[in-house]
Amino acid sequence: MPQSSFYSKVRQGLPAVIAQWLALGQGDRDRLALILAETARVAKLGEPEATPSGATLEAWGAGDRHADIPLWAGRTAVFLLTQMPARPVPQSDEEACAWAYCWLRNRQVESYEAAVDALPAHLHSPLETALKAAWVDQQGLRLV
C-alpha cells in the first residue's frame, strides 16, 4: 500500500535531487560521486561509509531504488544545488519535499520564517508549500 506521509514523499523525491546533481554537476559520474561524498564529510552533512561509484549515483538518480539512497547524499546534493549559478529548482511535489527536508536538516533555524529567509530567493516560491510541511513535520519530532 503506498504511503502518503511527508517523509514518504521525501524518500520518493530523493532520486530527482540526485538526478539534478548528475545533470548539472560538472564532471564524469565518478567525479560527481567523489565530490558528493567529500562535501558531505567536509561540510559535516553526513559520514559516508565509502565513496559511492558513479554507477551507484546513477542508480540512485534513476528513481526505482529511493529507499537505498542515504540521507547524507540527498542533504549534500541539496547543499550543492542551492549554491549553483544555474539556480535549479525542484520539478515535482516529491522533489520539493526532499529539498525542503534536506534544507531544514542542513541548518539549525529557530523559526519557519528564519528557514524561509535563509533560502536563496529563487527557491522561495518553489519550496513554499514543501518547506511549511517540512517545518510542521520537524516540529512534530518526525525529522530524524
C-alpha atoms as a PDB file:
ATOM      1  CA  MET A   1       0.000   0.000   0.000  1.00  0.00           C
ATOM      2  CA  PRO A   2       1.521   3.375  -0.975  1.00  0.00           C
ATOM      3  CA  GLN A   3       2.288   5.772   1.830  1.00  0.00           C
ATOM      4  CA  SER A   4       1.261   9.416   1.678  1.00  0.00           C
ATOM      5  CA  SER A   5       3.217  10.749   4.644  1.00  0.00           C
ATOM      6  CA  PHE A   6       5.583  13.668   4.258  1.00  0.00           C
ATOM      7  CA  TYR A   7       8.650  11.502   4.838  1.00  0.00           C
ATOM      8  CA  SER A   8       7.444   9.046   2.210  1.00  0.00           C
ATOM      9  CA  LYS A   9       7.324  11.942  -0.264  1.00  0.00           C
ATOM     10  CA  VAL A  10      10.832  12.938   0.806  1.00  0.00           C
ATOM     11  CA  ARG A  11      12.135   9.433   0.074  1.00  0.00           C
ATOM     12  CA  GLN A  12      10.334   9.383  -3.285  1.00  0.00           C
ATOM     13  CA  GLY A  13      11.825  12.770  -4.185  1.00  0.00           C
ATOM     14  CA  LEU A  14      15.451  11.947  -3.346  1.00  0.00           C
ATOM     15  CA  PRO A  15      16.185  10.301  -6.730  1.00  0.00           C
ATOM     16  CA  ALA A  16      15.198  13.519  -8.509  1.00  0.00           C
ATOM     17  CA  VAL A  17      17.549  15.504  -6.253  1.00  0.00           C
ATOM     18  CA  ILE A  18      20.405  13.140  -7.138  1.00  0.00           C
ATOM     19  CA  ALA A  19      19.412  13.274 -10.822  1.00  0.00           C
ATOM     20  CA  GLN A  20      19.611  17.094 -10.754  1.00  0.00           C
ATOM     21  CA  TRP A  21      23.092  16.864  -9.260  1.00  0.00           C
ATOM     22  CA  LEU A  22      24.106  14.440 -12.025  1.00  0.00           C
ATOM     23  CA  ALA A  23      22.590  16.661 -14.720  1.00  0.00           C
ATOM     24  CA  LEU A  24      24.063  19.954 -13.507  1.00  0.00           C
ATOM     25  CA  GLY A  25      27.305  18.902 -11.828  1.00  0.00           C
ATOM     26  CA  GLN A  26      30.463  19.250 -13.843  1.00  0.00           C
ATOM     27  CA  GLY A  27      32.472  16.087 -14.394  1.00  0.00           C
ATOM     28  CA  ASP A  28      32.005  12.421 -15.031  1.00  0.00           C
ATOM     29  CA  ARG A  29      29.804  10.321 -12.762  1.00  0.00           C
ATOM     30  CA  ASP A  30      32.657   9.001 -10.629  1.00  0.00           C
ATOM     31  CA  ARG A  31      33.970  12.529 -10.044  1.00  0.00           C
ATOM     32  CA  LEU A  32      30.474  13.764  -9.104  1.00  0.00           C
ATOM     33  CA  ALA A  33      30.145  10.858  -6.651  1.00  0.00           C
ATOM     34  CA  LEU A  34      33.511  11.774  -5.119  1.00  0.00           C
ATOM     35  CA  ILE A  35      32.526  15.452  -4.840  1.00  0.00           C
ATOM     36  CA  LEU A  36      29.241  14.477  -3.184  1.00  0.00           C
ATOM     37  CA  ALA A  37      30.896  12.194  -0.614  1.00  0.00           C
ATOM     38  CA  GLU A  38      33.784  14.548   0.157  1.00  0.00           C
ATOM     39  CA  THR A  39      31.444  17.531   0.504  1.00  0.00           C
ATOM     40  CA  ALA A  40      29.312  15.525   2.931  1.00  0.00           C
ATOM     41  CA  ARG A  41      32.355  14.804   5.044  1.00  0.00           C
ATOM     42  CA  VAL A  42      33.840  18.312   4.950  1.00  0.00           C
ATOM     43  CA  ALA A  43      30.540  20.159   5.446  1.00  0.00           C
ATOM     44  CA  LYS A  44      29.525  17.672   8.154  1.00  0.00           C
ATOM     45  CA  LEU A  45      26.315  16.706   6.351  1.00  0.00           C
ATOM     46  CA  GLY A  46      26.879  13.028   6.936  1.00  0.00           C
ATOM     47  CA  GLU A  47      29.523  10.356   7.153  1.00  0.00           C
ATOM     48  CA  PRO A  48      29.504   8.191   4.044  1.00  0.00           C
ATOM     49  CA  GLU A  49      30.889   4.747   4.862  1.00  0.00           C
ATOM     50  CA  ALA A  50      32.525   4.754   1.442  1.00  0.00           C
ATOM     51  CA  THR A  51      32.546   6.951  -1.617  1.00  0.00           C
ATOM     52  CA  PRO A  52      29.878   5.662  -3.980  1.00  0.00           C
ATOM     53  CA  SER A  53      30.733   4.868  -7.569  1.00  0.00           C
ATOM     54  CA  GLY A  54      29.339   6.836 -10.463  1.00  0.00           C
ATOM     55  CA  ALA A  55      27.189   3.810 -11.301  1.00  0.00           C
ATOM     56  CA  THR A  56      25.732   3.847  -7.787  1.00  0.00           C
ATOM     57  CA  LEU A  57      24.967   7.552  -8.115  1.00  0.00           C
ATOM     58  CA  GLU A  58      23.219   6.886 -11.436  1.00  0.00           C
ATOM     59  CA  ALA A  59      21.188   4.078  -9.837  1.00  0.00           C
ATOM     60  CA  TRP A  60      20.159   6.405  -7.006  1.00  0.00           C
ATOM     61  CA  GLY A  61      19.075   9.030  -9.550  1.00  0.00           C
ATOM     62  CA  ALA A  62      17.103   6.531 -11.625  1.00  0.00           C
ATOM     63  CA  GLY A  63      14.238   6.555  -9.141  1.00  0.00           C
ATOM     64  CA  ASP A  64      13.496   2.884  -8.641  1.00  0.00           C
ATOM     65  CA  ARG A  65      15.691   2.445  -5.547  1.00  0.00           C
ATOM     66  CA  HIS A  66      14.774   5.516  -3.488  1.00  0.00           C
ATOM     67  CA  ALA A  67      14.892   3.546  -0.250  1.00  0.00           C
ATOM     68  CA  ASP A  68      18.598   2.823  -0.882  1.00  0.00           C
ATOM     69  CA  ILE A  69      19.648   6.474  -1.043  1.00  0.00           C
ATOM     70  CA  PRO A  70      21.424   7.530   2.153  1.00  0.00           C
ATOM     71  CA  LEU A  71      20.223  10.820   3.584  1.00  0.00           C
ATOM     72  CA  TRP A  72      23.747  12.259   3.503  1.00  0.00           C
ATOM     73  CA  ALA A  73      23.604  12.048  -0.308  1.00  0.00           C
ATOM     74  CA  GLY A  74      20.331  13.962  -0.552  1.00  0.00           C
ATOM     75  CA  ARG A  75      21.390  16.520   2.036  1.00  0.00           C
ATOM     76  CA  THR A  76      24.679  17.103   0.248  1.00  0.00           C
ATOM     77  CA  ALA A  77      23.096  17.298  -3.203  1.00  0.00           C
ATOM     78  CA  VAL A  78      20.669  19.970  -1.934  1.00  0.00           C
ATOM     79  CA  PHE A  79      23.577  21.794  -0.287  1.00  0.00           C
ATOM     80  CA  LEU A  80      25.426  21.863  -3.614  1.00  0.00           C
ATOM     81  CA  LEU A  81      22.387  22.562  -5.815  1.00  0.00           C
ATOM     82  CA  THR A  82      21.343  25.619  -3.794  1.00  0.00           C
ATOM     83  CA  GLN A  83      24.754  27.162  -4.474  1.00  0.00           C
ATOM     84  CA  MET A  84      24.780  26.597  -8.234  1.00  0.00           C
ATOM     85  CA  PRO A  85      24.633  29.599 -10.545  1.00  0.00           C
ATOM     86  CA  ALA A  86      22.146  27.643 -12.713  1.00  0.00           C
ATOM     87  CA  ARG A  87      19.598  28.159  -9.893  1.00  0.00           C
ATOM     88  CA  PRO A  88      17.935  24.732 -10.175  1.00  0.00           C
ATOM     89  CA  VAL A  89      14.509  24.198  -8.651  1.00  0.00           C
ATOM     90  CA  PRO A  90      12.541  21.051  -7.803  1.00  0.00           C
ATOM     91  CA  GLN A  91      10.432  19.653 -10.629  1.00  0.00           C
ATOM     92  CA  SER A  92       7.755  17.811  -8.616  1.00  0.00           C
ATOM     93  CA  ASP A  93       5.992  17.859  -5.266  1.00  0.00           C
ATOM     94  CA  GLU A  94       8.034  14.886  -4.060  1.00  0.00           C
ATOM     95  CA  GLU A  95      11.300  16.505  -5.108  1.00  0.00           C
ATOM     96  CA  ALA A  96      10.264  19.759  -3.392  1.00  0.00           C
ATOM     97  CA  CYS A  97       9.587  17.770  -0.206  1.00  0.00           C
ATOM     98  CA  ALA A  98      13.069  16.229  -0.445  1.00  0.00           C
ATOM     99  CA  TRP A  99      14.669  19.669  -0.984  1.00  0.00           C
ATOM    100  CA  ALA A 100      12.744  21.156   1.955  1.00  0.00           C
ATOM    101  CA  TYR A 101      13.516  18.248   4.284  1.00  0.00           C
ATOM    102  CA  CYS A 102      17.214  18.379   3.416  1.00  0.00           C
ATOM    103  CA  TRP A 103      17.273  22.185   3.687  1.00  0.00           C
ATOM    104  CA  LEU A 104      16.000  22.015   7.261  1.00  0.00           C
ATOM    105  CA  ARG A 105      18.291  19.115   8.152  1.00  0.00           C
ATOM    106  CA  ASN A 106      21.285  21.072   6.852  1.00  0.00           C
ATOM    107  CA  ARG A 107      20.811  24.042   9.178  1.00  0.00           C
ATOM    108  CA  GLN A 108      19.603  24.909  12.608  1.00  0.00           C
ATOM    109  CA  VAL A 109      16.868  27.506  12.428  1.00  0.00           C
ATOM    110  CA  GLU A 110      14.667  28.648  15.236  1.00  0.00           C
ATOM    111  CA  SER A 111      11.576  29.522  13.231  1.00  0.00           C
ATOM    112  CA  TYR A 112       9.840  28.795   9.966  1.00  0.00           C
ATOM    113  CA  GLU A 113      10.426  32.407   8.940  1.00  0.00           C
ATOM    114  CA  ALA A 114      14.155  32.027   9.535  1.00  0.00           C
ATOM    115  CA  ALA A 115      14.164  28.898   7.367  1.00  0.00           C
ATOM    116  CA  VAL A 116      12.408  30.780   4.556  1.00  0.00           C
ATOM    117  CA  ASP A 117      14.704  33.793   4.921  1.00  0.00           C
ATOM    118  CA  ALA A 118      17.769  31.557   4.641  1.00  0.00           C
ATOM    119  CA  LEU A 119      16.598  30.117   1.309  1.00  0.00           C
ATOM    120  CA  PRO A 120      18.004  31.559  -1.898  1.00  0.00           C
ATOM    121  CA  ALA A 121      15.340  33.874  -3.376  1.00  0.00           C
ATOM    122  CA  HIS A 122      14.725  31.669  -6.417  1.00  0.00           C
ATOM    123  CA  LEU A 123      13.602  28.832  -4.112  1.00  0.00           C
ATOM    124  CA  HIS A 124      11.045  30.766  -2.045  1.00  0.00           C
ATOM    125  CA  SER A 125       8.103  30.071  -4.330  1.00  0.00           C
ATOM    126  CA  PRO A 126       9.030  26.514  -5.453  1.00  0.00           C
ATOM    127  CA  LEU A 127       9.573  25.383  -1.842  1.00  0.00           C
ATOM    128  CA  GLU A 128       6.836  27.377  -0.095  1.00  0.00           C
ATOM    129  CA  THR A 129       4.376  24.526   0.480  1.00  0.00           C
ATOM    130  CA  ALA A 130       7.008  21.823   0.981  1.00  0.00           C
ATOM    131  CA  LEU A 131       9.023  23.895   3.452  1.00  0.00           C
ATOM    132  CA  LYS A 132       5.913  24.539   5.537  1.00  0.00           C
ATOM    133  CA  ALA A 133       5.177  20.786   5.543  1.00  0.00           C
ATOM    134  CA  ALA A 134       8.808  20.037   6.455  1.00  0.00           C
ATOM    135  CA  TRP A 135       8.662  22.553   9.294  1.00  0.00           C
ATOM    136  CA  VAL A 136       5.438  21.047  10.653  1.00  0.00           C
ATOM    137  CA  ASP A 137       6.974  17.590  10.346  1.00  0.00           C
ATOM    138  CA  GLN A 138      10.120  18.706  12.170  1.00  0.00           C
ATOM    139  CA  GLN A 139       8.116  20.298  14.928  1.00  0.00           C
ATOM    140  CA  GLY A 140       6.234  17.043  15.320  1.00  0.00           C
ATOM    141  CA  LEU A 141       9.634  15.474  16.030  1.00  0.00           C
ATOM    142  CA  ARG A 142       9.375  13.215  13.000  1.00  0.00           C
ATOM    143  CA  LEU A 143      12.514  14.597  11.318  1.00  0.00           C
ATOM    144  CA  VAL A 144      15.100  12.118  12.446  1.00  0.00           C
END
